[in-house]
Each structure stands twice: as C-alpha cells, then as structure tokens.
PDB file of N, CA and C in Angstrom:
ATOM      1  N   MET A   1      10.866 -23.747  15.602  1.00  0.00           N
ATOM      2  CA  MET A   1      11.266 -22.895  15.191  1.00  0.00           C
ATOM      3  C   MET A   1      10.560 -21.898  15.290  1.00  0.00           C
ATOM      4  N   PRO A   2      11.389 -20.409  15.650  1.00  0.00           N
ATOM      5  CA  PRO A   2      10.879 -19.078  15.637  1.00  0.00           C
ATOM      6  C   PRO A   2       9.545 -18.125  14.443  1.00  0.00           C
ATOM      7  N   VAL A   3       8.794 -17.522  14.327  1.00  0.00           N
ATOM      8  CA  VAL A   3       8.011 -17.065  13.459  1.00  0.00           C
ATOM      9  C   VAL A   3       8.301 -16.110  12.983  1.00  0.00           C
ATOM     10  N   SER A   4       9.053 -15.926  11.791  1.00  0.00           N
ATOM     11  CA  SER A   4       9.683 -14.869  11.277  1.00  0.00           C
ATOM     12  C   SER A   4       9.097 -13.603  10.929  1.00  0.00           C
ATOM     13  N   THR A   5       9.504 -12.426  11.528  1.00  0.00           N
ATOM     14  CA  THR A   5       8.692 -11.063  11.510  1.00  0.00           C
ATOM     15  C   THR A   5       8.714 -10.744   9.857  1.00  0.00           C
ATOM     16  N   ALA A   6       8.039  -9.457   9.786  1.00  0.00           N
ATOM     17  CA  ALA A   6       7.650  -8.667   8.601  1.00  0.00           C
ATOM     18  C   ALA A   6       8.481  -7.806   8.050  1.00  0.00           C
ATOM     19  N   PRO A   7       9.116  -7.742   6.886  1.00  0.00           N
ATOM     20  CA  PRO A   7      10.207  -6.810   6.723  1.00  0.00           C
ATOM     21  C   PRO A   7       9.181  -5.190   6.654  1.00  0.00           C
ATOM     22  N   TYR A   8       8.247  -4.866   7.022  1.00  0.00           N
ATOM     23  CA  TYR A   8       7.540  -4.165   7.235  1.00  0.00           C
ATOM     24  C   TYR A   8       6.757  -3.518   8.225  1.00  0.00           C
ATOM     25  N   LYS A   9       6.793  -2.018   9.121  1.00  0.00           N
ATOM     26  CA  LYS A   9       6.450  -1.775  10.065  1.00  0.00           C
ATOM     27  C   LYS A   9       4.862  -1.312   9.781  1.00  0.00           C
ATOM     28  N   ARG A  10       3.995  -2.525  10.655  1.00  0.00           N
ATOM     29  CA  ARG A  10       2.774  -2.497  10.827  1.00  0.00           C
ATOM     30  C   ARG A  10       2.167  -1.297  11.744  1.00  0.00           C
ATOM     31  N   GLU A  11       2.309  -0.484  12.154  1.00  0.00           N
ATOM     32  CA  GLU A  11       1.971  -0.032  13.660  1.00  0.00           C
ATOM     33  C   GLU A  11       0.427   0.445  13.892  1.00  0.00           C
ATOM     34  N   TYR A  12       0.119   0.012  15.203  1.00  0.00           N
ATOM     35  CA  TYR A  12      -1.374  -0.325  15.907  1.00  0.00           C
ATOM     36  C   TYR A  12      -1.166   1.158  16.806  1.00  0.00           C
ATOM     37  N   ALA A  13      -1.858   2.106  15.942  1.00  0.00           N
ATOM     38  CA  ALA A  13      -1.706   3.254  16.568  1.00  0.00           C
ATOM     39  C   ALA A  13      -3.119   3.750  17.647  1.00  0.00           C
ATOM     40  N   HIS A  14      -4.160   2.416  17.140  1.00  0.00           N
ATOM     41  CA  HIS A  14      -5.123   3.153  17.932  1.00  0.00           C
ATOM     42  C   HIS A  14      -5.485   2.763  19.140  1.00  0.00           C
ATOM     43  N   THR A  15      -5.950   4.109  19.967  1.00  0.00           N
ATOM     44  CA  THR A  15      -6.285   4.020  21.279  1.00  0.00           C
ATOM     45  C   THR A  15      -7.693   4.252  21.641  1.00  0.00           C
ATOM     46  N   LYS A  16      -8.558   3.647  23.110  1.00  0.00           N
ATOM     47  CA  LYS A  16     -10.041   3.828  23.204  1.00  0.00           C
ATOM     48  C   LYS A  16     -10.684   5.169  23.394  1.00  0.00           C
ATOM     49  N   ARG A  17      -9.435   6.444  22.952  1.00  0.00           N
ATOM     50  CA  ARG A  17     -10.253   7.375  23.045  1.00  0.00           C
ATOM     51  C   ARG A  17     -10.891   7.492  21.098  1.00  0.00           C
ATOM     52  N   ARG A  18     -10.057   6.893  20.599  1.00  0.00           N
ATOM     53  CA  ARG A  18     -10.449   6.998  19.101  1.00  0.00           C
ATOM     54  C   ARG A  18     -11.508   6.660  18.734  1.00  0.00           C
ATOM     55  N   GLY A  19     -12.264   5.611  19.581  1.00  0.00           N
ATOM     56  CA  GLY A  19     -13.912   4.785  19.079  1.00  0.00           C
ATOM     57  C   GLY A  19     -13.394   4.189  18.012  1.00  0.00           C
ATOM     58  N   LYS A  20     -14.106   3.383  16.871  1.00  0.00           N
ATOM     59  CA  LYS A  20     -13.823   2.340  16.089  1.00  0.00           C
ATOM     60  C   LYS A  20     -13.159   3.106  14.610  1.00  0.00           C
ATOM     61  N   GLU A  21     -12.142   1.444  14.008  1.00  0.00           N
ATOM     62  CA  GLU A  21     -10.799   2.288  13.468  1.00  0.00           C
ATOM     63  C   GLU A  21     -12.182   1.881  12.189  1.00  0.00           C
ATOM     64  N   GLY A  22     -11.474   2.363  11.302  1.00  0.00           N
ATOM     65  CA  GLY A  22     -12.541   2.380   9.743  1.00  0.00           C
ATOM     66  C   GLY A  22     -12.093   0.983   9.210  1.00  0.00           C
ATOM     67  N   MET A  23     -13.496   1.397   7.986  1.00  0.00           N
ATOM     68  CA  MET A  23     -12.729  -0.370   7.453  1.00  0.00           C
ATOM     69  C   MET A  23     -12.640   0.292   5.955  1.00  0.00           C
ATOM     70  N   VAL A  24     -11.768   0.147   5.297  1.00  0.00           N
ATOM     71  CA  VAL A  24     -11.658   0.174   4.036  1.00  0.00           C
ATOM     72  C   VAL A  24     -11.690  -0.885   2.831  1.00  0.00           C
ATOM     73  N   LYS A  25     -11.969  -0.983   1.759  1.00  0.00           N
ATOM     74  CA  LYS A  25     -11.936  -1.888   0.440  1.00  0.00           C
ATOM     75  C   LYS A  25     -11.197  -1.828   0.216  1.00  0.00           C
ATOM     76  N   CYS A  26     -10.178  -2.814   0.094  1.00  0.00           N
ATOM     77  CA  CYS A  26      -9.064  -3.393  -1.268  1.00  0.00           C
ATOM     78  C   CYS A  26      -9.325  -2.731  -2.441  1.00  0.00           C
ATOM     79  N   GLY A  27      -8.559  -2.235  -3.221  1.00  0.00           N
ATOM     80  CA  GLY A  27      -8.747  -1.595  -4.679  1.00  0.00           C
ATOM     81  C   GLY A  27      -8.514  -2.721  -6.154  1.00  0.00           C
ATOM     82  N   PHE A  28      -8.046  -4.407  -5.436  1.00  0.00           N
ATOM     83  CA  PHE A  28      -7.439  -4.965  -5.483  1.00  0.00           C
ATOM     84  C   PHE A  28      -8.871  -6.155  -6.350  1.00  0.00           C
ATOM     85  N   CYS A  29      -9.170  -6.496  -4.892  1.00  0.00           N
ATOM     86  CA  CYS A  29     -10.012  -7.549  -4.542  1.00  0.00           C
ATOM     87  C   CYS A  29     -11.233  -7.351  -4.333  1.00  0.00           C
ATOM     88  N   GLY A  30     -11.727  -6.266  -3.793  1.00  0.00           N
ATOM     89  CA  GLY A  30     -12.521  -5.166  -2.927  1.00  0.00           C
ATOM     90  C   GLY A  30     -12.898  -6.049  -1.705  1.00  0.00           C
ATOM     91  N   LYS A  31     -12.341  -6.634  -1.125  1.00  0.00           N
ATOM     92  CA  LYS A  31     -12.121  -7.373   0.216  1.00  0.00           C
ATOM     93  C   LYS A  31     -12.107  -5.896   1.201  1.00  0.00           C
ATOM     94  N   SER A  32     -13.140  -6.470   2.158  1.00  0.00           N
ATOM     95  CA  SER A  32     -13.011  -4.712   3.600  1.00  0.00           C
ATOM     96  C   SER A  32     -12.124  -5.335   4.729  1.00  0.00           C
ATOM     97  N   CYS A  33     -11.384  -4.325   4.501  1.00  0.00           N
ATOM     98  CA  CYS A  33      -9.944  -4.901   6.152  1.00  0.00           C
ATOM     99  C   CYS A  33      -9.793  -3.598   6.233  1.00  0.00           C
ATOM    100  N   PRO A  34      -9.886  -3.231   7.799  1.00  0.00           N
ATOM    101  CA  PRO A  34      -8.981  -2.609   8.833  1.00  0.00           C
ATOM    102  C   PRO A  34      -8.162  -1.931   8.122  1.00  0.00           C
ATOM    103  N   ARG A  35      -8.269   0.258   8.167  1.00  0.00           N
ATOM    104  CA  ARG A  35      -7.350   0.798   7.874  1.00  0.00           C
ATOM    105  C   ARG A  35      -6.028   0.981   7.975  1.00  0.00           C
ATOM    106  N   TRP A  36      -5.929   1.153   9.252  1.00  0.00           N
ATOM    107  CA  TRP A  36      -4.579   0.549   9.953  1.00  0.00           C
ATOM    108  C   TRP A  36      -3.392  -0.924   9.489  1.00  0.00           C
ATOM    109  N   LYS A  37      -4.521  -2.057   8.864  1.00  0.00           N
ATOM    110  CA  LYS A  37      -4.080  -3.060   8.431  1.00  0.00           C
ATOM    111  C   LYS A  37      -3.968  -2.949   7.225  1.00  0.00           C
ATOM    112  N   ALA A  38      -4.510  -1.553   6.239  1.00  0.00           N
ATOM    113  CA  ALA A  38      -3.801  -1.795   4.849  1.00  0.00           C
ATOM    114  C   ALA A  38      -3.080  -1.253   4.489  1.00  0.00           C
ATOM    115  N   PHE A  39      -2.415  -1.256   3.189  1.00  0.00           N
ATOM    116  CA  PHE A  39      -1.491  -0.941   2.703  1.00  0.00           C
ATOM    117  C   PHE A  39      -1.412   0.137   1.549  1.00  0.00           C
ATOM    118  N   THR A  40      -1.469   1.443   1.532  1.00  0.00           N
ATOM    119  CA  THR A  40      -1.581   2.801   0.213  1.00  0.00           C
ATOM    120  C   THR A  40      -0.575   2.298  -0.591  1.00  0.00           C
ATOM    121  N   LYS A  41      -1.105   2.587  -2.221  1.00  0.00           N
ATOM    122  CA  LYS A  41      -0.530   2.696  -3.092  1.00  0.00           C
ATOM    123  C   LYS A  41      -0.879   4.119  -3.408  1.00  0.00           C
ATOM    124  N   PHE A  42      -0.425   4.395  -4.455  1.00  0.00           N
ATOM    125  CA  PHE A  42      -0.630   5.576  -5.162  1.00  0.00           C
ATOM    126  C   PHE A  42      -0.691   5.485  -6.682  1.00  0.00           C
ATOM    127  N   LYS A  43      -2.012   4.977  -7.400  1.00  0.00           N
ATOM    128  CA  LYS A  43      -2.536   4.406  -8.650  1.00  0.00           C
ATOM    129  C   LYS A  43      -2.258   5.808  -9.665  1.00  0.00           C
ATOM    130  N   GLY A  44      -1.791   6.050 -10.615  1.00  0.00           N
ATOM    131  CA  GLY A  44      -1.666   7.232 -12.084  1.00  0.00           C
ATOM    132  C   GLY A  44      -0.581   7.257 -12.260  1.00  0.00           C
ATOM    133  N   PHE A  45      -0.175   8.167 -12.843  1.00  0.00           N
ATOM    134  CA  PHE A  45       1.236   8.596 -14.268  1.00  0.00           C
ATOM    135  C   PHE A  45       1.811  10.038 -13.495  1.00  0.00           C
ATOM    136  N   ARG A  46       2.812   9.654 -13.648  1.00  0.00           N
ATOM    137  CA  ARG A  46       3.507  11.769 -13.449  1.00  0.00           C
ATOM    138  C   ARG A  46       3.999  12.230 -15.164  1.00  0.00           C
ATOM    139  N   ILE A  47       3.609  12.837 -14.837  1.00  0.00           N
ATOM    140  CA  ILE A  47       4.260  14.215 -15.991  1.00  0.00           C
ATOM    141  C   ILE A  47       6.041  14.044 -16.179  1.00  0.00           C
ATOM    142  N   SER A  48       6.695  13.558 -17.008  1.00  0.00           N
ATOM    143  CA  SER A  48       8.151  14.189 -16.999  1.00  0.00           C
ATOM    144  C   SER A  48       8.865  15.234 -17.571  1.00  0.00           C
ATOM    145  N   ASP A  49       7.950  15.222 -18.654  1.00  0.00           N
ATOM    146  CA  ASP A  49       7.918  15.839 -19.734  1.00  0.00           C
ATOM    147  C   ASP A  49       7.788  17.895 -18.949  1.00  0.00           C
ATOM    148  N   PRO A  50       8.733  18.477 -19.292  1.00  0.00           N
ATOM    149  CA  PRO A  50       8.797  19.712 -18.455  1.00  0.00           C
ATOM    150  C   PRO A  50       8.254  21.049 -19.136  1.00  0.00           C
ATOM    151  N   VAL A  51       8.331  20.355 -20.702  1.00  0.00           N
ATOM    152  CA  VAL A  51       7.529  21.129 -21.685  1.00  0.00           C
ATOM    153  C   VAL A  51       5.883  21.292 -21.520  1.00  0.00           C
ATOM    154  N   LEU A  52       5.320  20.061 -21.419  1.00  0.00           N
ATOM    155  CA  LEU A  52       3.908  19.467 -21.089  1.00  0.00           C
ATOM    156  C   LEU A  52       3.833  20.131 -19.775  1.00  0.00           C
ATOM    157  N   ARG A  53       4.534  19.828 -19.111  1.00  0.00           N
ATOM    158  CA  ARG A  53       4.067  20.940 -17.060  1.00  0.00           C
ATOM    159  C   ARG A  53       3.884  22.018 -17.555  1.00  0.00           C
ATOM    160  N   LYS A  54       4.480  22.843 -17.984  1.00  0.00           N
ATOM    161  CA  LYS A  54       4.249  23.730 -17.685  1.00  0.00           C
ATOM    162  C   LYS A  54       3.014  24.247 -18.739  1.00  0.00           C
ATOM    163  N   GLN A  55       2.525  23.588 -19.635  1.00  0.00           N
ATOM    164  CA  GLN A  55       0.819  23.812 -20.613  1.00  0.00           C
ATOM    165  C   GLN A  55      -0.363  23.213 -19.278  1.00  0.00           C
ATOM    166  N   ILE A  56       0.204  22.385 -18.630  1.00  0.00           N
ATOM    167  CA  ILE A  56      -1.216  22.086 -18.209  1.00  0.00           C
ATOM    168  C   ILE A  56      -1.187  22.719 -16.404  1.00  0.00           C
ATOM    169  N   PRO A  57      -2.219  23.285 -15.966  1.00  0.00           N
ATOM    170  CA  PRO A  57      -2.540  24.283 -14.808  1.00  0.00           C
ATOM    171  C   PRO A  57      -1.201  23.873 -13.831  1.00  0.00           C
ATOM    172  N   ARG A  58      -1.575  23.654 -12.526  1.00  0.00           N
ATOM    173  CA  ARG A  58      -1.355  23.561 -11.864  1.00  0.00           C
ATOM    174  C   ARG A  58      -2.467  22.704 -10.499  1.00  0.00           C
ATOM    175  N   HIS A  59      -3.313  23.185 -10.629  1.00  0.00           N
ATOM    176  CA  HIS A  59      -4.937  22.423  -9.988  1.00  0.00           C
ATOM    177  C   HIS A  59      -5.147  21.623 -11.212  1.00  0.00           C
ATOM    178  N   ASN A  60      -4.444  21.032 -11.949  1.00  0.00           N
ATOM    179  CA  ASN A  60      -5.312  20.211 -12.767  1.00  0.00           C
ATOM    180  C   ASN A  60      -4.134  18.494 -12.601  1.00  0.00           C
ATOM    181  N   ILE A  61      -3.034  18.739 -11.590  1.00  0.00           N
ATOM    182  CA  ILE A  61      -1.915  17.787 -12.312  1.00  0.00           C
ATOM    183  C   ILE A  61      -2.607  17.219 -10.681  1.00  0.00           C
ATOM    184  N   HIS A  62      -3.074  17.243  -9.844  1.00  0.00           N
ATOM    185  CA  HIS A  62      -3.337  16.219  -8.787  1.00  0.00           C
ATOM    186  C   HIS A  62      -4.281  14.779  -9.182  1.00  0.00           C
ATOM    187  N   MET A  63      -5.111  15.158 -10.520  1.00  0.00           N
ATOM    188  CA  MET A  63      -6.110  14.593 -10.785  1.00  0.00           C
ATOM    189  C   MET A  63      -5.286  13.334 -11.510  1.00  0.00           C
ATOM    190  N   PHE A  64      -4.354  13.645 -11.672  1.00  0.00           N
ATOM    191  CA  PHE A  64      -3.391  12.020 -12.476  1.00  0.00           C
ATOM    192  C   PHE A  64      -3.005  11.267 -11.448  1.00  0.00           C
ATOM    193  N   GLN A  65      -3.424  11.707 -10.220  1.00  0.00           N
ATOM    194  CA  GLN A  65      -3.234  10.543  -8.991  1.00  0.00           C
ATOM    195  C   GLN A  65      -4.096  10.178  -7.873  1.00  0.00           C
ATOM    196  N   GLN A  66      -4.620   8.647  -7.611  1.00  0.00           N
ATOM    197  CA  GLN A  66      -5.068   8.745  -6.689  1.00  0.00           C
ATOM    198  C   GLN A  66      -4.310   7.397  -6.395  1.00  0.00           C
ATOM    199  N   LYS A  67      -5.033   7.446  -4.677  1.00  0.00           N
ATOM    200  CA  LYS A  67      -4.976   7.320  -3.324  1.00  0.00           C
ATOM    201  C   LYS A  67      -5.723   5.632  -3.478  1.00  0.00           C
ATOM    202  N   MET A  68      -5.455   4.794  -3.237  1.00  0.00           N
ATOM    203  CA  MET A  68      -6.087   3.675  -3.195  1.00  0.00           C
ATOM    204  C   MET A  68      -5.686   2.813  -2.207  1.00  0.00           C
ATOM    205  N   TYR A  69      -6.272   1.495  -1.582  1.00  0.00           N
ATOM    206  CA  TYR A  69      -5.715   0.982  -0.135  1.00  0.00           C
ATOM    207  C   TYR A  69      -5.820  -0.652  -0.913  1.00  0.00           C
ATOM    208  N   VAL A  70      -5.221  -1.436  -0.017  1.00  0.00           N
ATOM    209  CA  VAL A  70      -4.815  -2.208  -0.708  1.00  0.00           C
ATOM    210  C   VAL A  70      -4.697  -3.524   0.718  1.00  0.00           C
ATOM    211  N   CYS A  71      -5.263  -5.155   0.325  1.00  0.00           N
ATOM    212  CA  CYS A  71      -5.248  -5.779   1.791  1.00  0.00           C
ATOM    213  C   CYS A  71      -3.769  -6.167   1.502  1.00  0.00           C
ATOM    214  N   PRO A  72      -3.793  -7.450   2.555  1.00  0.00           N
ATOM    215  CA  PRO A  72      -2.012  -7.855   3.016  1.00  0.00           C
ATOM    216  C   PRO A  72      -2.023  -9.065   1.826  1.00  0.00           C
ATOM    217  N   SER A  73      -3.192  -9.707   2.017  1.00  0.00           N
ATOM    218  CA  SER A  73      -2.917 -10.523   1.001  1.00  0.00           C
ATOM    219  C   SER A  73      -2.802 -10.241  -0.016  1.00  0.00           C
ATOM    220  N   CYS A  74      -3.343  -9.035  -0.897  1.00  0.00           N
ATOM    221  CA  CYS A  74      -3.126  -8.544  -2.346  1.00  0.00           C
ATOM    222  C   CYS A  74      -1.873  -8.284  -2.577  1.00  0.00           C
ATOM    223  N   ALA A  75      -1.150  -7.200  -1.957  1.00  0.00           N
ATOM    224  CA  ALA A  75      -0.533  -6.890  -1.504  1.00  0.00           C
ATOM    225  C   ALA A  75       1.220  -7.555  -1.315  1.00  0.00           C
ATOM    226  N   ARG A  76       1.067  -8.938  -0.781  1.00  0.00           N
ATOM    227  CA  ARG A  76       2.179  -9.530  -0.781  1.00  0.00           C
ATOM    228  C   ARG A  76       1.949 -10.626  -2.198  1.00  0.00           C
ATOM    229  N   PHE A  77       0.551 -10.822  -2.321  1.00  0.00           N
ATOM    230  CA  PHE A  77       0.910 -11.760  -4.235  1.00  0.00           C
ATOM    231  C   PHE A  77       0.941 -10.281  -5.294  1.00  0.00           C
ATOM    232  N   ARG A  78       1.167  -8.653  -5.090  1.00  0.00           N
ATOM    233  CA  ARG A  78       1.464  -8.442  -6.439  1.00  0.00           C
ATOM    234  C   ARG A  78       2.469  -7.357  -5.960  1.00  0.00           C
ATOM    235  N   HIS A  79       3.330  -7.871  -4.618  1.00  0.00           N
ATOM    236  CA  HIS A  79       5.106  -7.913  -4.861  1.00  0.00           C
ATOM    237  C   HIS A  79       4.746  -6.191  -4.347  1.00  0.00           C
ATOM    238  N   ILE A  80       4.116  -5.965  -3.329  1.00  0.00           N
ATOM    239  CA  ILE A  80       3.898  -4.660  -3.417  1.00  0.00           C
ATOM    240  C   ILE A  80       4.842  -4.347  -2.488  1.00  0.00           C
ATOM    241  N   ILE A  81       4.626  -5.300  -1.239  1.00  0.00           N
ATOM    242  CA  ILE A  81       5.539  -5.682   0.086  1.00  0.00           C
ATOM    243  C   ILE A  81       6.262  -7.107   0.105  1.00  0.00           C
ATOM    244  N   LYS A  82       7.422  -6.698   0.586  1.00  0.00           N
ATOM    245  CA  LYS A  82       8.397  -7.553   0.235  1.00  0.00           C
ATOM    246  C   LYS A  82       7.503  -9.107   1.282  1.00  0.00           C
ATOM    247  N   PRO A  83       8.124 -10.177   0.767  1.00  0.00           N
ATOM    248  CA  PRO A  83       7.298 -11.357   1.380  1.00  0.00           C
ATOM    249  C   PRO A  83       8.387 -11.583   2.627  1.00  0.00           C
ATOM    250  N   GLY A  84       8.444 -12.360   3.965  1.00  0.00           N
ATOM    251  CA  GLY A  84       8.683 -12.163   5.070  1.00  0.00           C
ATOM    252  C   GLY A  84      10.355 -12.994   5.176  1.00  0.00           C
ATOM    253  N   LYS A  85      10.861 -13.455   5.899  1.00  0.00           N
ATOM    254  CA  LYS A  85      12.138 -14.466   5.898  1.00  0.00           C
ATOM    255  C   LYS A  85      12.450 -15.136   5.097  1.00  0.00           C
ATOM    256  N   SER A  86      11.158 -16.618   5.953  1.00  0.00           N
ATOM    257  CA  SER A  86      10.962 -17.586   5.701  1.00  0.00           C
ATOM    258  C   SER A  86      11.199 -17.400   3.760  1.00  0.00           C
ATOM    259  N   VAL A  87      10.603 -16.800   3.373  1.00  0.00           N
ATOM    260  CA  VAL A  87      10.091 -16.909   2.323  1.00  0.00           C
ATOM    261  C   VAL A  87      11.530 -16.637   1.396  1.00  0.00           C
ATOM    262  N   ARG A  88      12.108 -15.333   1.710  1.00  0.00           N
ATOM    263  CA  ARG A  88      12.793 -14.844   1.324  1.00  0.00           C
ATOM    264  C   ARG A  88      14.488 -15.904   0.744  1.00  0.00           C
ATOM    265  N   LYS A  89      14.763 -16.683   2.568  1.00  0.00           N
ATOM    266  CA  LYS A  89      15.718 -18.033   2.474  1.00  0.00           C
ATOM    267  C   LYS A  89      15.139 -18.685   1.153  1.00  0.00           C
ATOM    268  N   LYS A  90      14.107 -19.524   1.123  1.00  0.00           N
ATOM    269  CA  LYS A  90      13.448 -20.094   0.095  1.00  0.00           C
ATOM    270  C   LYS A  90      14.337 -20.303  -1.209  1.00  0.00           C
ATOM    271  N   HIS A  91      13.888 -18.718  -1.368  1.00  0.00           N
ATOM    272  CA  HIS A  91      14.341 -18.159  -2.803  1.00  0.00           C
ATOM    273  C   HIS A  91      16.073 -18.346  -2.913  1.00  0.00           C
ATOM    274  N   LEU A  92      16.522 -17.913  -2.311  1.00  0.00           N
ATOM    275  CA  LEU A  92      18.021 -17.887  -1.737  1.00  0.00           C
ATOM    276  C   LEU A  92      18.846 -19.207  -2.190  1.00  0.00           C
ATOM    277  N   LYS A  93      17.924 -20.239  -1.926  1.00  0.00           N
ATOM    278  CA  LYS A  93      18.819 -21.413  -1.528  1.00  0.00           C
ATOM    279  C   LYS A  93      18.407 -22.523  -2.938  1.00  0.00           C
ATOM    280  N   THR A  94      17.496 -21.956  -4.031  1.00  0.00           N
ATOM    281  CA  THR A  94      17.192 -22.690  -5.143  1.00  0.00           C
ATOM    282  C   THR A  94      17.911 -21.923  -5.969  1.00  0.00           C
TER     283      THR A  94
END
C-alpha cells in the first residue's frame, strides 16, 4: 500500500551555507519545531467598516494582526491544513 502524500507543499530550502535552521514555538501547544516545518497563521481581526477605517490611523492598523507559528500536529488537529488523502477517503466512504 503506497504512502499518501500531503495536500500541502513543505519545501526544504535549507542549504549548507545557511547554517543551523531556527527553532520556533507553536502558538497553541508550545512545542518547539524547526521553522521550515512549522505553518504560519495570522491571528487577529480585520476592520471591514469603511467609516472606522478612516478614523484609525494607518500606522495603527498593523497592530490588529500577529503572526504565529503552528506545529504540524496542531495544524492538522485545528484544520489549518487538510488531512492526507487516506484520511479523506475514509470520510467519503461513510
């Protein structure tokens, strides 16, 4: 039985010249994992009302959004990424 491939691309662009890859902490569980393995998620909210947008200065708008890293296990559990092909097939059969 062949191993299913993930529906997302995780490119390993680490070369010998770059040195050691940095470790990041997961925003949900606190587990540390390599940065190339982690998924990025933006936490915050957007202002859709045009009247409110004009009242708030432009340099303060970026404060509403923060970048967080998510480990692969939390990303699968919280549906940030889709599960693999074999899991999707199981759900379609039932």
